Amino acid sequence: MGPIVCATRGGEAGRRTQERAIELAKERGSELVFLCVFDPNFAGEQNEALAEAVEKEQRWLGRAALGTAQARARQQGLDAGAVVLCGPVLETIEAYLRRVDAATLVLGQPRVDSALTAFHPKRVKSFAEQVGQNAGVEVVVVTPED
């Protein structure tokens, strides 16, 4: 069975999502990988020097967020991997799931609808269905009520 992949960026929704992924990995005896994906084009067109600086900063922030997630897992007796990728968020997650032959994707649904996130509540459900079919994985969506 492939790993459980937890797509996360941190924050309140991220903590709930990470906790659920840790719980699933422990229940199933599965490998857990925390995945953080940033789209380097989120700020629109940029010159080459600015684009490089933005990507470097995003990778640093992603590593920091995932380090916290890994520490949370270690506190519960589980070693977890961490991967930071840059690219279009939805497509990059789907490609990663295929590459590692993931069994499960755990996603969090934020409380607020924001144009700044790929996972605002209106898109989470459709993305979960799409990635589940396209990548052939189980998708667990952690809602604010969880």
C-alpha atoms as a PDB file:
ATOM      1  CA  MET A   1       0.000   0.000   0.000  1.00  0.00           C
ATOM      2  CA  GLY A   2       1.331   3.444  -0.920  1.00  0.00           C
ATOM      3  CA  PRO A   3       1.816   6.339   1.467  1.00  0.00           C
ATOM      4  CA  ILE A   4      -0.724   8.685   2.931  1.00  0.00           C
ATOM      5  CA  VAL A   5      -0.012  12.161   1.575  1.00  0.00           C
ATOM      6  CA  CYS A   6      -1.190  15.120   3.613  1.00  0.00           C
ATOM      7  CA  ALA A   7      -1.373  18.349   1.591  1.00  0.00           C
ATOM      8  CA  THR A   8      -0.890  21.155   4.085  1.00  0.00           C
ATOM      9  CA  ARG A   9       0.344  24.731   4.514  1.00  0.00           C
ATOM     10  CA  GLY A  10      -0.083  25.148   8.229  1.00  0.00           C
ATOM     11  CA  GLY A  11      -2.626  27.333  10.010  1.00  0.00           C
ATOM     12  CA  GLU A  12      -5.756  26.160  11.794  1.00  0.00           C
ATOM     13  CA  ALA A  13      -7.056  24.022   8.926  1.00  0.00           C
ATOM     14  CA  GLY A  14      -3.569  22.621   8.482  1.00  0.00           C
ATOM     15  CA  ARG A  15      -3.334  21.499  12.097  1.00  0.00           C
ATOM     16  CA  ARG A  16      -6.666  19.670  11.898  1.00  0.00           C
ATOM     17  CA  THR A  17      -5.626  18.107   8.613  1.00  0.00           C
ATOM     18  CA  GLN A  18      -2.227  17.031   9.930  1.00  0.00           C
ATOM     19  CA  GLU A  19      -3.782  15.473  13.037  1.00  0.00           C
ATOM     20  CA  ARG A  20      -6.224  13.464  10.909  1.00  0.00           C
ATOM     21  CA  ALA A  21      -3.426  12.291   8.593  1.00  0.00           C
ATOM     22  CA  ILE A  22      -1.296  11.228  11.572  1.00  0.00           C
ATOM     23  CA  GLU A  23      -4.258   9.341  13.024  1.00  0.00           C
ATOM     24  CA  LEU A  24      -4.877   7.536   9.709  1.00  0.00           C
ATOM     25  CA  ALA A  25      -1.195   6.638   9.265  1.00  0.00           C
ATOM     26  CA  LYS A  26      -1.034   5.182  12.769  1.00  0.00           C
ATOM     27  CA  GLU A  27      -4.294   3.227  12.327  1.00  0.00           C
ATOM     28  CA  ARG A  28      -3.181   1.778   8.990  1.00  0.00           C
ATOM     29  CA  GLY A  29       0.529   1.396   9.706  1.00  0.00           C
ATOM     30  CA  SER A  30       1.183   3.520   6.619  1.00  0.00           C
ATOM     31  CA  GLU A  31       3.992   5.829   5.657  1.00  0.00           C
ATOM     32  CA  LEU A  32       3.025   9.506   5.974  1.00  0.00           C
ATOM     33  CA  VAL A  33       4.319  12.332   3.812  1.00  0.00           C
ATOM     34  CA  PHE A  34       3.451  15.971   4.419  1.00  0.00           C
ATOM     35  CA  LEU A  35       3.291  17.876   1.140  1.00  0.00           C
ATOM     36  CA  CYS A  36       3.329  21.632   0.705  1.00  0.00           C
ATOM     37  CA  VAL A  37       2.811  23.068  -2.786  1.00  0.00           C
ATOM     38  CA  PHE A  38       3.261  26.711  -3.703  1.00  0.00           C
ATOM     39  CA  ASP A  39       2.427  28.243  -7.054  1.00  0.00           C
ATOM     40  CA  PRO A  40       5.293  30.578  -7.966  1.00  0.00           C
ATOM     41  CA  ASN A  41       2.941  32.454 -10.292  1.00  0.00           C
ATOM     42  CA  PHE A  42       0.512  33.456  -7.533  1.00  0.00           C
ATOM     43  CA  ALA A  43       1.689  37.072  -7.718  1.00  0.00           C
ATOM     44  CA  GLY A  44       1.334  37.342 -11.492  1.00  0.00           C
ATOM     45  CA  GLU A  45       4.101  38.050 -13.965  1.00  0.00           C
ATOM     46  CA  GLN A  46       7.486  38.786 -12.459  1.00  0.00           C
ATOM     47  CA  ASN A  47      10.937  39.430 -13.801  1.00  0.00           C
ATOM     48  CA  GLU A  48      13.394  36.538 -13.505  1.00  0.00           C
ATOM     49  CA  ALA A  49      15.188  37.845 -10.411  1.00  0.00           C
ATOM     50  CA  LEU A  50      11.927  38.455  -8.526  1.00  0.00           C
ATOM     51  CA  ALA A  51      10.507  35.093  -9.565  1.00  0.00           C
ATOM     52  CA  GLU A  52      13.616  33.346  -8.239  1.00  0.00           C
ATOM     53  CA  ALA A  53      13.394  35.229  -4.931  1.00  0.00           C
ATOM     54  CA  VAL A  54       9.672  34.446  -4.557  1.00  0.00           C
ATOM     55  CA  GLU A  55      10.227  30.742  -5.186  1.00  0.00           C
ATOM     56  CA  LYS A  56      13.125  30.631  -2.718  1.00  0.00           C
ATOM     57  CA  GLU A  57      10.963  32.301  -0.039  1.00  0.00           C
ATOM     58  CA  GLN A  58       8.047  29.955  -0.732  1.00  0.00           C
ATOM     59  CA  ARG A  59      10.295  26.914  -0.381  1.00  0.00           C
ATOM     60  CA  TRP A  60      11.686  28.250   2.909  1.00  0.00           C
ATOM     61  CA  LEU A  61       8.176  28.873   4.269  1.00  0.00           C
ATOM     62  CA  GLY A  62       7.074  25.428   3.129  1.00  0.00           C
ATOM     63  CA  ARG A  63      10.003  23.711   4.849  1.00  0.00           C
ATOM     64  CA  ALA A  64       9.227  25.622   8.054  1.00  0.00           C
ATOM     65  CA  ALA A  65       5.541  24.636   7.961  1.00  0.00           C
ATOM     66  CA  LEU A  66       6.355  21.003   7.233  1.00  0.00           C
ATOM     67  CA  GLY A  67       8.989  20.899   9.957  1.00  0.00           C
ATOM     68  CA  THR A  68       6.229  21.804  12.395  1.00  0.00           C
ATOM     69  CA  ALA A  69       3.996  19.070  10.949  1.00  0.00           C
ATOM     70  CA  GLN A  70       6.800  16.515  11.287  1.00  0.00           C
ATOM     71  CA  ALA A  71       7.357  17.537  14.903  1.00  0.00           C
ATOM     72  CA  ARG A  72       3.631  17.054  15.550  1.00  0.00           C
ATOM     73  CA  ALA A  73       3.848  13.537  14.103  1.00  0.00           C
ATOM     74  CA  ARG A  74       7.006  12.696  16.124  1.00  0.00           C
ATOM     75  CA  GLN A  75       5.215  13.754  19.318  1.00  0.00           C
ATOM     76  CA  GLN A  76       2.709  11.022  18.496  1.00  0.00           C
ATOM     77  CA  GLY A  77       5.367   8.406  17.774  1.00  0.00           C
ATOM     78  CA  LEU A  78       5.331   8.635  13.984  1.00  0.00           C
ATOM     79  CA  ASP A  79       8.137   9.599  11.624  1.00  0.00           C
ATOM     80  CA  ALA A  80       6.831  11.460   8.578  1.00  0.00           C
ATOM     81  CA  GLY A  81       8.421  12.674   5.383  1.00  0.00           C
ATOM     82  CA  ALA A  82       8.167  16.196   4.033  1.00  0.00           C
ATOM     83  CA  VAL A  83       8.176  17.475   0.466  1.00  0.00           C
ATOM     84  CA  VAL A  84       7.916  21.051  -0.793  1.00  0.00           C
ATOM     85  CA  LEU A  85       7.064  21.540  -4.458  1.00  0.00           C
ATOM     86  CA  CYS A  86       6.432  24.576  -6.621  1.00  0.00           C
ATOM     87  CA  GLY A  87       3.930  24.592  -9.457  1.00  0.00           C
ATOM     88  CA  PRO A  88       0.226  24.911 -10.140  1.00  0.00           C
ATOM     89  CA  VAL A  89      -1.204  23.552  -6.890  1.00  0.00           C
ATOM     90  CA  LEU A  90      -3.866  21.131  -8.063  1.00  0.00           C
ATOM     91  CA  GLU A  91      -1.853  19.694 -10.956  1.00  0.00           C
ATOM     92  CA  THR A  92       1.316  19.416  -8.861  1.00  0.00           C
ATOM     93  CA  ILE A  93      -0.457  17.508  -6.085  1.00  0.00           C
ATOM     94  CA  GLU A  94      -2.015  15.115  -8.565  1.00  0.00           C
ATOM     95  CA  ALA A  95       1.338  14.469 -10.295  1.00  0.00           C
ATOM     96  CA  TYR A  96       3.046  13.841  -6.937  1.00  0.00           C
ATOM     97  CA  LEU A  97       0.359  11.341  -5.887  1.00  0.00           C
ATOM     98  CA  ARG A  98       0.931   9.381  -9.068  1.00  0.00           C
ATOM     99  CA  ARG A  99       4.728   9.536  -8.740  1.00  0.00           C
ATOM    100  CA  VAL A 100       4.731   8.027  -5.232  1.00  0.00           C
ATOM    101  CA  ASP A 101       1.782   5.696  -5.919  1.00  0.00           C
ATOM    102  CA  ALA A 102      -0.087   7.188  -2.953  1.00  0.00           C
ATOM    103  CA  ALA A 103      -2.954   5.323  -1.360  1.00  0.00           C
ATOM    104  CA  THR A 104      -4.643   8.304   0.303  1.00  0.00           C
ATOM    105  CA  LEU A 105      -4.636  12.089   0.067  1.00  0.00           C
ATOM    106  CA  VAL A 106      -5.694  14.065   3.127  1.00  0.00           C
ATOM    107  CA  LEU A 107      -6.855  17.627   2.427  1.00  0.00           C
ATOM    108  CA  GLY A 108      -8.127  20.333   4.729  1.00  0.00           C
ATOM    109  CA  GLN A 109     -11.009  22.629   4.008  1.00  0.00           C
ATOM    110  CA  PRO A 110     -10.386  26.146   5.329  1.00  0.00           C
ATOM    111  CA  ARG A 111     -13.107  27.998   7.210  1.00  0.00           C
ATOM    112  CA  VAL A 112     -13.165  31.005   4.945  1.00  0.00           C
ATOM    113  CA  ASP A 113     -13.705  31.328   1.227  1.00  0.00           C
ATOM    114  CA  SER A 114     -10.652  33.112  -0.100  1.00  0.00           C
ATOM    115  CA  ALA A 115      -9.484  33.757  -3.629  1.00  0.00           C
ATOM    116  CA  LEU A 116      -5.915  33.431  -2.311  1.00  0.00           C
ATOM    117  CA  THR A 117      -6.086  29.689  -1.760  1.00  0.00           C
ATOM    118  CA  ALA A 118      -6.476  26.830  -4.201  1.00  0.00           C
ATOM    119  CA  PHE A 119      -8.577  25.073  -1.593  1.00  0.00           C
ATOM    120  CA  HIS A 120     -11.394  27.441  -0.806  1.00  0.00           C
ATOM    121  CA  PRO A 121     -14.468  25.500   0.289  1.00  0.00           C
ATOM    122  CA  LYS A 122     -16.224  25.609  -3.079  1.00  0.00           C
ATOM    123  CA  ARG A 123     -13.299  23.923  -4.827  1.00  0.00           C
ATOM    124  CA  VAL A 124     -12.257  21.324  -2.256  1.00  0.00           C
ATOM    125  CA  LYS A 125     -15.048  18.877  -3.027  1.00  0.00           C
ATOM    126  CA  SER A 126     -14.626  19.048  -6.797  1.00  0.00           C
ATOM    127  CA  PHE A 127     -10.838  18.760  -6.508  1.00  0.00           C
ATOM    128  CA  ALA A 128     -11.175  15.782  -4.160  1.00  0.00           C
ATOM    129  CA  GLU A 129     -13.441  13.995  -6.635  1.00  0.00           C
ATOM    130  CA  GLN A 130     -11.211  14.872  -9.595  1.00  0.00           C
ATOM    131  CA  VAL A 131      -7.936  13.800  -7.993  1.00  0.00           C
ATOM    132  CA  GLY A 132      -9.499  10.655  -6.596  1.00  0.00           C
ATOM    133  CA  GLN A 133     -10.549   9.595 -10.081  1.00  0.00           C
ATOM    134  CA  ASN A 134      -7.484  10.821 -11.965  1.00  0.00           C
ATOM    135  CA  ALA A 135      -4.825   9.557  -9.561  1.00  0.00           C
ATOM    136  CA  GLY A 136      -6.783   6.565  -8.282  1.00  0.00           C
ATOM    137  CA  VAL A 137      -6.457   7.474  -4.611  1.00  0.00           C
ATOM    138  CA  GLU A 138      -8.763   7.685  -1.646  1.00  0.00           C
ATOM    139  CA  VAL A 139      -9.282  11.340  -0.685  1.00  0.00           C
ATOM    140  CA  VAL A 140     -10.129  12.357   2.877  1.00  0.00           C
ATOM    141  CA  VAL A 141     -11.363  15.931   3.300  1.00  0.00           C
ATOM    142  CA  VAL A 142     -11.051  17.343   6.806  1.00  0.00           C
ATOM    143  CA  THR A 143     -13.716  19.989   7.371  1.00  0.00           C
ATOM    144  CA  PRO A 144     -13.779  22.768   9.983  1.00  0.00           C
ATOM    145  CA  GLU A 145     -16.323  20.697  11.924  1.00  0.00           C
ATOM    146  CA  ASP A 146     -13.896  17.739  12.251  1.00  0.00           C
END
